[in-house]
Amino acid sequence: MAKNNQNNRNRNNDGNMTVEEAGGKAGQATSANHDREFYEEIGRKGGEARARKRNNN
């Protein structure tokens, strides 16, 4: 029953999925298609970009 209530909260009044639910599904699909190296690489790139931004300000 709790899962059913969660599904109801994730639906708009028109029955379409919310942005949050769509993002979750996209994350699951990405996880199924990529390995640990993929996440390490995007994490490294994000850290480098953040460091550049911090050094420029």
Protein backbone atom coordinates (compact mmCIF):
# COMPACT_ATOMS: atom_id res chain seq x y z
CA MET A 1 0.00 0.00 0.00
CA ALA A 2 2.84 2.43 0.75
CA LYS A 3 4.27 1.92 -2.72
CA ASN A 4 0.88 2.69 -4.26
CA ASN A 5 0.66 5.92 -2.28
CA GLN A 6 4.16 6.85 -3.47
CA ASN A 7 3.13 6.25 -7.08
CA ASN A 8 0.10 8.50 -6.60
CA ARG A 9 2.31 11.30 -5.29
CA ASN A 10 4.59 10.96 -8.32
CA ARG A 11 1.74 11.49 -10.78
CA ASN A 12 0.30 14.76 -11.92
CA ASN A 13 -3.46 15.16 -11.97
CA ASP A 14 -3.49 14.23 -15.65
CA GLY A 15 -1.77 10.89 -14.95
CA ASN A 16 1.57 11.81 -16.52
CA MET A 17 4.78 11.31 -14.60
CA THR A 18 6.40 14.19 -12.76
CA VAL A 19 9.81 15.62 -13.54
CA GLU A 20 11.11 13.87 -10.42
CA GLU A 21 9.82 10.49 -11.57
CA ALA A 22 11.17 11.00 -15.09
CA GLY A 23 14.57 11.91 -13.66
CA GLY A 24 14.57 8.78 -11.55
CA LYS A 25 13.80 6.62 -14.55
CA ALA A 26 16.54 8.33 -16.56
CA GLY A 27 19.01 7.75 -13.74
CA GLN A 28 18.14 4.07 -13.60
CA ALA A 29 18.58 3.75 -17.36
CA THR A 30 21.93 5.55 -17.22
CA SER A 31 23.07 3.30 -14.38
CA ALA A 32 22.13 0.21 -16.37
CA ASN A 33 24.08 1.41 -19.42
CA HIS A 34 27.27 2.73 -17.81
CA ASP A 35 29.89 1.35 -15.46
CA ARG A 36 31.86 2.78 -12.56
CA GLU A 37 34.45 4.35 -14.87
CA PHE A 38 31.76 6.51 -16.47
CA TYR A 39 30.73 7.94 -13.11
CA GLU A 40 34.34 8.44 -12.06
CA GLU A 41 35.05 10.38 -15.25
CA ILE A 42 32.03 12.68 -14.99
CA GLY A 43 32.82 13.24 -11.31
CA ARG A 44 36.40 14.16 -12.14
CA LYS A 45 35.28 16.53 -14.90
CA GLY A 46 32.80 18.18 -12.56
CA GLY A 47 35.44 18.61 -9.88
CA GLU A 48 37.86 20.14 -12.36
CA ALA A 49 35.22 22.54 -13.67
CA ARG A 50 34.32 23.56 -10.11
CA ALA A 51 37.99 24.19 -9.28
CA ARG A 52 38.41 26.35 -12.38
CA LYS A 53 35.32 28.36 -11.47
CA ARG A 54 36.57 28.82 -7.89
CA ASN A 55 40.01 29.96 -9.09
CA ASN A 56 38.54 32.49 -11.54
CA ASN A 57 36.50 34.28 -8.85
